[in-house]
Amino acid sequence: GVTVTFAVTAGGGAVSPATALTNLAGVVTLTSWTMGPSAGPNGMTATATDAGITGNPVTFTATATVGPPNAAQSTVAASPATIVPSSGQSFAAITVTVKDSAGSTISGATVVLATTGTGNILTQPTAVTDNQGRAVGALSSSVAETKTISATVNGSVAVTQTATVTVSIGAPSGLGVSTQPAGAASNADFTTQPAVDIRDGFGNRVLTATDPVTVTLVAGNGTLLSASAMTVNAVNGRATFSALRIRGPRATGDTLGTGAHALQFSAPGYSAVRSDTFQVAVSYAYNIVDVYTRNGCIGCHGFSYANSVNQPASLGPCTPRTRIVAADTVNSVIYEKIRTATPACGGVMPLSGLMSALQIRLVRDWILQGAPNN
């Protein structure tokens, strides 16, 4: 029947109940003693209220240890939150603090970092967590974008919290072709028009740049034309061209514009850049029809694309050979008749004599391209 009072003296835990009475054997049993929120020593006393009791109060001690790493309690932080593009010179420190479910820090844990994005240099922590539960790595990147950094503890605990680092765009320093020209045929707009970016030193597009960019022809022997403009101001750091075309040859008066070509792009204050080499195809509508017309072929034979390509010859000794065989000059009767004064069948075309070397070359190249209806 003696009242005993239980009290926490160290560690910040809790006891239940706070008081109890001894039983017939003089014994009182505490229902629970909960350790405090941090790892380390805990203390409690049991004090009898009656006088003359020896050993009063009784002191209890216990040591609270940390639990396993907890995904929700652990943290990931980045400092600074914004860096400039670099190859390692500008970086954010990534600090992971590992805690158990009670929020106690855990030393000796291994931490592995991961990040989104490209162009990254991610330095892993070189040691396990210290006595404050911290492990520190670093992130730098050459690509301007927002990165999300995550952490895994002891190979299996994925920390819930993540950190973000924004890699900002550097100062403008050069030009770069972002879209290469393609799909060119004589006197027809490219099917893919070129675009050029104003970039920082690591190739990131400078979205604030509005510089004027000019295009010129630097390889090939056609004439570069545009129904729009040869100089285009960048918008959001990108100059996008439209209606560019290369005029190829007709029978006379033009230089030969088919075959390999390349463009050059320039802007004040920057070094010029060059496009990839691209091919300009012979155009049926612009080149071949003109050759046929100038030499009287259409007036005499009524040639059209539909009745000449992959169609049988219908006159005399050339029957039943094919007029134009796509991608095959050897078996194309029309090409045979225009290229030599002694064709294998029938007479030379046109009746006035052989076409010019340039005209013959155009027909040959068009057939080898697959004789497209372009």
Protein backbone atom coordinates (compact mmCIF):
# COMPACT_ATOMS: atom_id res chain seq x y z
CA GLY A 1 0.00 0.00 0.00
CA VAL A 2 2.99 2.38 -0.27
CA THR A 3 2.72 5.08 -2.95
CA VAL A 4 5.63 5.14 -5.38
CA THR A 5 6.17 8.06 -7.79
CA PHE A 6 7.97 7.55 -11.09
CA ALA A 7 9.75 10.49 -12.74
CA VAL A 8 11.93 10.93 -15.86
CA THR A 9 15.26 12.56 -14.97
CA ALA A 10 17.13 12.48 -18.29
CA GLY A 11 16.48 11.96 -22.01
CA GLY A 12 13.00 13.49 -22.19
CA GLY A 13 11.02 10.25 -22.24
CA ALA A 14 7.76 9.38 -20.53
CA VAL A 15 6.49 6.95 -17.85
CA SER A 16 3.10 5.40 -17.23
CA PRO A 17 1.61 5.48 -14.67
CA ALA A 18 3.18 8.39 -12.79
CA THR A 19 2.25 6.84 -9.39
CA ALA A 20 1.33 3.35 -8.21
CA LEU A 21 0.88 1.39 -4.97
CA THR A 22 3.02 -1.53 -3.83
CA ASN A 23 1.23 -4.90 -3.71
CA LEU A 24 1.09 -7.36 -0.80
CA ALA A 25 4.67 -8.38 -1.55
CA GLY A 26 5.84 -4.74 -1.41
CA VAL A 27 6.40 -4.65 -5.17
CA VAL A 28 5.22 -1.99 -7.62
CA THR A 29 5.59 -2.45 -11.41
CA LEU A 30 5.77 0.39 -13.92
CA THR A 31 3.59 -0.22 -16.99
CA SER A 32 5.89 1.53 -19.52
CA TRP A 33 8.94 3.72 -19.84
CA THR A 34 9.33 5.31 -23.29
CA MET A 35 12.73 6.56 -24.37
CA GLY A 36 13.18 10.19 -25.39
CA PRO A 37 13.27 11.44 -29.04
CA SER A 38 17.06 11.41 -29.32
CA ALA A 39 19.63 8.69 -29.10
CA GLY A 40 21.65 8.67 -25.88
CA PRO A 41 21.31 8.18 -22.06
CA ASN A 42 17.90 8.20 -20.39
CA GLY A 43 17.18 8.27 -16.64
CA MET A 44 14.23 7.69 -14.32
CA THR A 45 13.65 7.51 -10.54
CA ALA A 46 11.11 5.62 -8.40
CA THR A 47 10.49 7.36 -5.07
CA ALA A 48 8.52 5.90 -2.15
CA THR A 49 6.48 8.48 -0.22
CA ASP A 50 6.75 6.75 3.22
CA ALA A 51 9.59 7.70 5.57
CA GLY A 52 12.33 5.41 6.77
CA ILE A 53 12.69 3.37 3.61
CA THR A 54 16.30 2.60 2.70
CA GLY A 55 17.60 2.88 -0.90
CA ASN A 56 15.03 5.54 -1.61
CA PRO A 57 14.78 6.66 -4.42
CA VAL A 58 15.74 3.92 -6.85
CA THR A 59 17.49 5.16 -10.03
CA PHE A 60 17.09 3.50 -13.43
CA THR A 61 19.25 4.20 -16.51
CA ALA A 62 18.91 3.13 -20.15
CA THR A 63 20.51 4.05 -23.47
CA ALA A 64 18.31 4.92 -26.44
CA THR A 65 19.73 3.82 -29.81
CA VAL A 66 18.73 5.07 -33.27
CA GLY A 67 16.37 3.09 -35.48
CA PRO A 68 16.86 2.29 -39.16
CA PRO A 69 16.94 5.10 -41.76
CA ASN A 70 13.52 6.55 -42.39
CA ALA A 71 12.59 7.79 -45.88
CA ALA A 72 10.19 10.48 -44.70
CA GLN A 73 12.35 11.90 -41.89
CA SER A 74 15.60 12.07 -43.87
CA THR A 75 16.28 15.19 -45.97
CA VAL A 76 18.04 16.30 -49.16
CA ALA A 77 19.19 19.91 -49.61
CA ALA A 78 21.10 21.82 -52.31
CA SER A 79 23.17 24.97 -51.88
CA PRO A 80 23.20 27.18 -53.84
CA ALA A 81 19.95 26.43 -55.63
CA THR A 82 21.10 28.15 -58.85
CA ILE A 83 24.41 27.69 -60.67
CA VAL A 84 25.80 28.64 -64.09
CA PRO A 85 26.81 26.09 -66.74
CA SER A 86 30.33 24.79 -66.33
CA SER A 87 32.52 21.72 -66.56
CA GLY A 88 32.79 21.50 -62.79
CA GLN A 89 33.84 25.00 -61.73
CA SER A 90 30.33 26.05 -60.68
CA PHE A 91 28.58 23.52 -58.46
CA ALA A 92 25.91 23.04 -55.84
CA ALA A 93 26.67 21.13 -52.64
CA ILE A 94 24.13 18.36 -52.05
CA THR A 95 23.67 17.54 -48.35
CA VAL A 96 21.74 14.46 -47.27
CA THR A 97 20.81 14.16 -43.59
CA VAL A 98 19.81 10.64 -42.59
CA LYS A 99 17.35 10.23 -39.70
CA ASP A 100 15.33 7.46 -38.10
CA SER A 101 11.56 7.55 -37.60
CA ALA A 102 11.96 9.59 -34.40
CA GLY A 103 14.08 12.20 -36.16
CA SER A 104 17.37 11.10 -34.62
CA THR A 105 20.34 11.49 -36.94
CA ILE A 106 22.15 8.34 -38.04
CA SER A 107 25.91 8.14 -38.50
CA GLY A 108 27.73 5.55 -40.60
CA ALA A 109 25.07 5.30 -43.34
CA THR A 110 25.99 5.13 -47.03
CA VAL A 111 24.34 7.62 -49.42
CA VAL A 112 24.10 7.44 -53.22
CA LEU A 113 22.87 10.46 -55.20
CA ALA A 114 21.01 10.54 -58.53
CA THR A 115 19.85 13.42 -60.72
CA THR A 116 17.68 14.13 -63.70
CA GLY A 117 18.81 15.97 -66.83
CA THR A 118 21.87 15.76 -69.07
CA GLY A 119 25.40 17.14 -69.16
CA ASN A 120 25.79 16.50 -65.43
CA ILE A 121 28.85 15.96 -63.28
CA LEU A 122 27.48 14.33 -60.12
CA THR A 123 30.03 13.79 -57.36
CA GLN A 124 29.01 11.15 -54.82
CA PRO A 125 29.70 11.57 -51.07
CA THR A 126 33.19 10.34 -50.31
CA ALA A 127 32.32 9.04 -46.83
CA VAL A 128 29.45 7.63 -44.79
CA THR A 129 27.25 10.00 -42.79
CA ASP A 130 29.04 11.84 -39.97
CA ASN A 131 28.00 12.13 -36.31
CA GLN A 132 25.28 14.58 -37.37
CA GLY A 133 23.91 12.18 -39.96
CA ARG A 134 25.20 14.18 -42.94
CA ALA A 135 26.81 13.13 -46.20
CA VAL A 136 27.76 15.72 -48.82
CA GLY A 137 28.11 15.41 -52.61
CA ALA A 138 28.12 17.96 -55.46
CA LEU A 139 26.43 18.66 -58.79
CA SER A 140 27.58 20.72 -61.77
CA SER A 141 26.30 20.68 -65.34
CA SER A 142 26.90 22.14 -68.77
CA VAL A 143 23.20 21.95 -69.74
CA ALA A 144 20.88 24.74 -68.64
CA GLU A 145 17.78 23.20 -67.06
CA THR A 146 16.31 22.37 -63.66
CA LYS A 147 17.73 19.23 -62.10
CA THR A 148 16.00 17.08 -59.47
CA ILE A 149 18.39 15.36 -57.08
CA SER A 150 17.37 12.26 -55.12
CA ALA A 151 19.16 10.07 -52.58
CA THR A 152 19.16 6.41 -51.56
CA VAL A 153 20.42 5.33 -48.14
CA ASN A 154 22.12 2.01 -47.45
CA GLY A 155 21.19 0.79 -50.92
CA SER A 156 17.46 0.43 -50.28
CA VAL A 157 15.86 3.44 -48.55
CA ALA A 158 14.80 6.06 -51.11
CA VAL A 159 14.58 9.41 -49.35
CA THR A 160 11.15 10.94 -49.95
CA GLN A 161 12.38 14.51 -50.16
CA THR A 162 14.30 15.71 -53.22
CA ALA A 163 16.22 18.88 -53.98
CA THR A 164 16.26 21.02 -57.13
CA VAL A 165 19.15 22.88 -58.74
CA THR A 166 18.57 25.31 -61.60
CA VAL A 167 21.41 25.61 -64.10
CA SER A 168 20.95 29.05 -65.63
CA ILE A 169 21.95 30.06 -69.16
CA GLY A 170 25.33 31.70 -69.64
CA ALA A 171 26.22 34.76 -71.71
CA PRO A 172 25.84 34.57 -75.53
CA SER A 173 29.06 33.38 -77.16
CA GLY A 174 28.31 31.76 -80.53
CA LEU A 175 25.98 30.36 -83.16
CA GLY A 176 24.82 26.79 -83.68
CA VAL A 177 22.66 25.17 -86.35
CA SER A 178 19.70 23.61 -84.55
CA THR A 179 17.83 22.44 -87.69
CA GLN A 180 19.76 21.40 -90.79
CA PRO A 181 18.41 22.20 -94.27
CA ALA A 182 17.05 19.19 -96.14
CA GLY A 183 14.70 18.12 -98.89
CA ALA A 184 16.02 20.50 -101.56
CA ALA A 185 15.12 20.33 -105.24
CA SER A 186 15.91 22.89 -107.94
CA ASN A 187 13.86 26.07 -107.51
CA ALA A 188 11.67 24.51 -104.80
CA ASP A 189 11.57 25.51 -101.14
CA PHE A 190 13.49 23.16 -98.87
CA THR A 191 11.08 20.79 -97.18
CA THR A 192 13.09 21.33 -93.99
CA GLN A 193 14.09 24.97 -93.51
CA PRO A 194 17.17 25.72 -91.37
CA ALA A 195 17.17 27.28 -87.91
CA VAL A 196 20.11 28.79 -86.03
CA ASP A 197 20.49 29.34 -82.27
CA ILE A 198 22.38 31.98 -80.30
CA ARG A 199 24.21 29.88 -77.70
CA ASP A 200 26.26 30.28 -74.56
CA GLY A 201 29.69 28.71 -74.17
CA PHE A 202 28.17 25.31 -73.40
CA GLY A 203 25.70 25.18 -76.28
CA ASN A 204 22.61 26.32 -74.38
CA ARG A 205 20.22 28.53 -76.37
CA VAL A 206 20.15 32.08 -74.97
CA LEU A 207 16.42 32.77 -74.83
CA THR A 208 16.86 36.53 -74.50
CA ALA A 209 18.92 36.88 -77.70
CA THR A 210 17.39 38.72 -80.69
CA ASP A 211 20.47 39.03 -82.95
CA PRO A 212 20.01 39.21 -86.74
CA VAL A 213 21.33 36.10 -88.53
CA THR A 214 22.17 36.10 -92.25
CA VAL A 215 22.34 33.04 -94.52
CA THR A 216 24.58 32.67 -97.59
CA LEU A 217 25.55 29.84 -99.93
CA VAL A 218 29.17 28.74 -99.36
CA ALA A 219 29.36 25.42 -101.22
CA GLY A 220 27.69 24.34 -104.44
CA ASN A 221 27.10 26.25 -107.63
CA GLY A 222 23.45 27.21 -107.57
CA THR A 223 21.83 30.46 -106.53
CA LEU A 224 20.38 30.78 -103.03
CA LEU A 225 17.04 32.59 -103.03
CA SER A 226 14.25 33.29 -100.57
CA ALA A 227 10.69 34.47 -100.99
CA SER A 228 10.95 35.72 -97.41
CA ALA A 229 14.28 37.08 -96.12
CA MET A 230 17.98 36.22 -96.11
CA THR A 231 18.44 37.89 -92.71
CA VAL A 232 16.20 36.85 -89.82
CA ASN A 233 16.09 38.23 -86.28
CA ALA A 234 16.30 35.60 -83.57
CA VAL A 235 13.20 35.06 -81.45
CA ASN A 236 13.82 33.48 -78.05
CA GLY A 237 17.40 32.95 -79.19
CA ARG A 238 16.50 31.16 -82.44
CA ALA A 239 16.52 32.47 -86.02
CA THR A 240 14.17 30.37 -88.16
CA PHE A 241 14.39 30.77 -91.93
CA SER A 242 11.56 30.20 -94.39
CA ALA A 243 11.07 29.85 -98.15
CA LEU A 244 14.77 29.23 -98.86
CA ARG A 245 15.47 27.49 -102.16
CA ILE A 246 18.36 26.93 -104.54
CA ARG A 247 17.71 27.65 -108.17
CA GLY A 248 19.21 24.98 -110.33
CA PRO A 249 19.89 25.15 -114.05
CA ARG A 250 17.60 25.32 -116.98
CA ALA A 251 18.88 25.01 -120.52
CA THR A 252 20.89 28.21 -120.51
CA GLY A 253 21.67 31.16 -118.30
CA ASP A 254 22.03 29.45 -114.92
CA THR A 255 24.97 27.76 -113.26
CA LEU A 256 24.42 24.12 -112.39
CA GLY A 257 22.64 24.11 -109.02
CA THR A 258 22.07 20.44 -108.31
CA GLY A 259 24.26 18.18 -106.19
CA ALA A 260 26.10 18.94 -102.94
CA HIS A 261 25.61 22.33 -101.28
CA ALA A 262 26.17 23.98 -97.89
CA LEU A 263 24.94 27.16 -96.23
CA GLN A 264 26.71 29.58 -93.92
CA PHE A 265 25.10 31.57 -91.12
CA SER A 266 26.59 34.74 -89.64
CA ALA A 267 25.67 37.39 -87.06
CA PRO A 268 27.55 40.48 -85.84
CA GLY A 269 29.98 39.64 -83.06
CA TYR A 270 29.97 35.87 -83.60
CA SER A 271 31.96 33.44 -85.69
CA ALA A 272 30.04 32.16 -88.69
CA VAL A 273 28.83 28.54 -88.68
CA ARG A 274 28.19 26.20 -91.57
CA SER A 275 25.38 23.75 -92.23
CA ASP A 276 25.90 20.11 -93.02
CA THR A 277 26.32 19.34 -96.71
CA PHE A 278 22.98 18.58 -98.35
CA GLN A 279 21.90 17.50 -101.81
CA VAL A 280 19.83 19.56 -104.24
CA ALA A 281 17.85 17.29 -106.52
CA VAL A 282 16.97 17.86 -110.16
CA SER A 283 13.35 18.99 -110.44
CA TYR A 284 11.05 17.39 -112.98
CA ALA A 285 8.76 20.42 -113.06
CA TYR A 286 11.53 23.03 -113.22
CA ASN A 287 14.39 21.28 -115.05
CA ILE A 288 13.18 18.29 -117.05
CA VAL A 289 10.02 19.86 -118.45
CA ASP A 290 12.16 22.84 -119.52
CA VAL A 291 14.66 20.55 -121.29
CA TYR A 292 11.84 18.69 -123.06
CA THR A 293 10.15 21.96 -124.06
CA ARG A 294 13.29 23.66 -125.39
CA ASN A 295 14.13 20.65 -127.54
CA GLY A 296 10.64 20.14 -128.95
CA CYS A 297 10.12 16.81 -127.19
CA ILE A 298 6.77 17.73 -125.68
CA GLY A 299 5.50 19.36 -128.86
CA CYS A 300 6.36 16.28 -130.91
CA HIS A 301 5.64 13.44 -128.49
CA GLY A 302 3.32 15.02 -125.94
CA PHE A 303 5.54 13.81 -123.11
CA SER A 304 4.12 14.03 -119.61
CA TYR A 305 5.31 12.45 -116.42
CA ALA A 306 2.46 9.93 -116.49
CA ASN A 307 3.19 8.63 -120.00
CA SER A 308 6.97 8.58 -119.82
CA VAL A 309 8.13 7.17 -116.47
CA ASN A 310 7.90 3.38 -116.31
CA GLN A 311 5.84 3.39 -119.51
CA PRO A 312 6.57 1.30 -122.63
CA ALA A 313 7.87 2.84 -125.81
CA SER A 314 5.30 2.65 -128.60
CA LEU A 315 7.18 3.45 -131.80
CA GLY A 316 9.05 1.14 -134.14
CA PRO A 317 12.19 -0.70 -133.14
CA CYS A 318 12.18 0.56 -129.51
CA THR A 319 8.99 -1.38 -128.73
CA PRO A 320 8.55 -2.82 -126.07
CA ARG A 321 11.40 -1.19 -124.13
CA THR A 322 10.60 1.37 -121.40
CA ARG A 323 10.79 5.09 -121.97
CA ILE A 324 12.13 6.06 -118.51
CA VAL A 325 13.11 3.41 -115.92
CA ALA A 326 13.39 4.98 -112.49
CA ALA A 327 17.01 4.90 -111.20
CA ASP A 328 18.19 3.06 -114.35
CA THR A 329 19.76 5.04 -117.20
CA VAL A 330 20.94 1.93 -119.07
CA ASN A 331 17.41 0.71 -119.76
CA SER A 332 15.77 4.12 -120.24
CA VAL A 333 15.08 4.52 -123.97
CA ILE A 334 14.66 8.30 -123.83
CA TYR A 335 18.01 8.76 -122.13
CA GLU A 336 19.65 6.41 -124.66
CA LYS A 337 18.31 8.52 -127.51
CA ILE A 338 19.46 11.87 -126.11
CA ARG A 339 22.93 10.84 -124.95
CA THR A 340 24.38 9.35 -128.16
CA ALA A 341 24.20 9.88 -131.87
CA THR A 342 23.98 6.10 -132.34
CA PRO A 343 21.24 4.87 -130.00
CA ALA A 344 20.56 1.14 -129.76
CA CYS A 345 17.10 1.58 -131.26
CA GLY A 346 15.51 4.26 -133.41
CA GLY A 347 17.00 7.64 -134.12
CA VAL A 348 18.66 10.35 -132.05
CA MET A 349 16.53 12.78 -130.08
CA PRO A 350 15.86 15.58 -130.72
CA LEU A 351 15.82 15.45 -134.51
CA SER A 352 18.03 18.56 -134.65
CA GLY A 353 20.87 16.70 -132.94
CA LEU A 354 22.16 15.94 -129.48
CA MET A 355 21.13 18.07 -126.54
CA SER A 356 23.73 20.11 -124.70
CA ALA A 357 25.94 18.30 -122.19
CA LEU A 358 24.23 20.19 -119.37
CA GLN A 359 20.78 19.11 -120.53
CA ILE A 360 21.87 15.49 -120.88
CA ARG A 361 23.38 15.61 -117.41
CA LEU A 362 20.13 16.94 -115.93
CA VAL A 363 18.08 14.10 -117.42
CA ARG A 364 20.66 11.55 -116.27
CA ASP A 365 20.76 12.87 -112.70
CA TRP A 366 16.98 13.04 -112.49
CA ILE A 367 16.63 9.41 -113.59
CA LEU A 368 19.30 8.28 -111.10
CA GLN A 369 17.41 10.10 -108.34
CA GLY A 370 14.54 7.71 -109.06
CA ALA A 371 12.76 9.91 -111.65
CA PRO A 372 10.54 11.62 -109.03
CA ASN A 373 7.54 13.72 -110.00
CA ASN A 374 8.97 16.71 -108.11
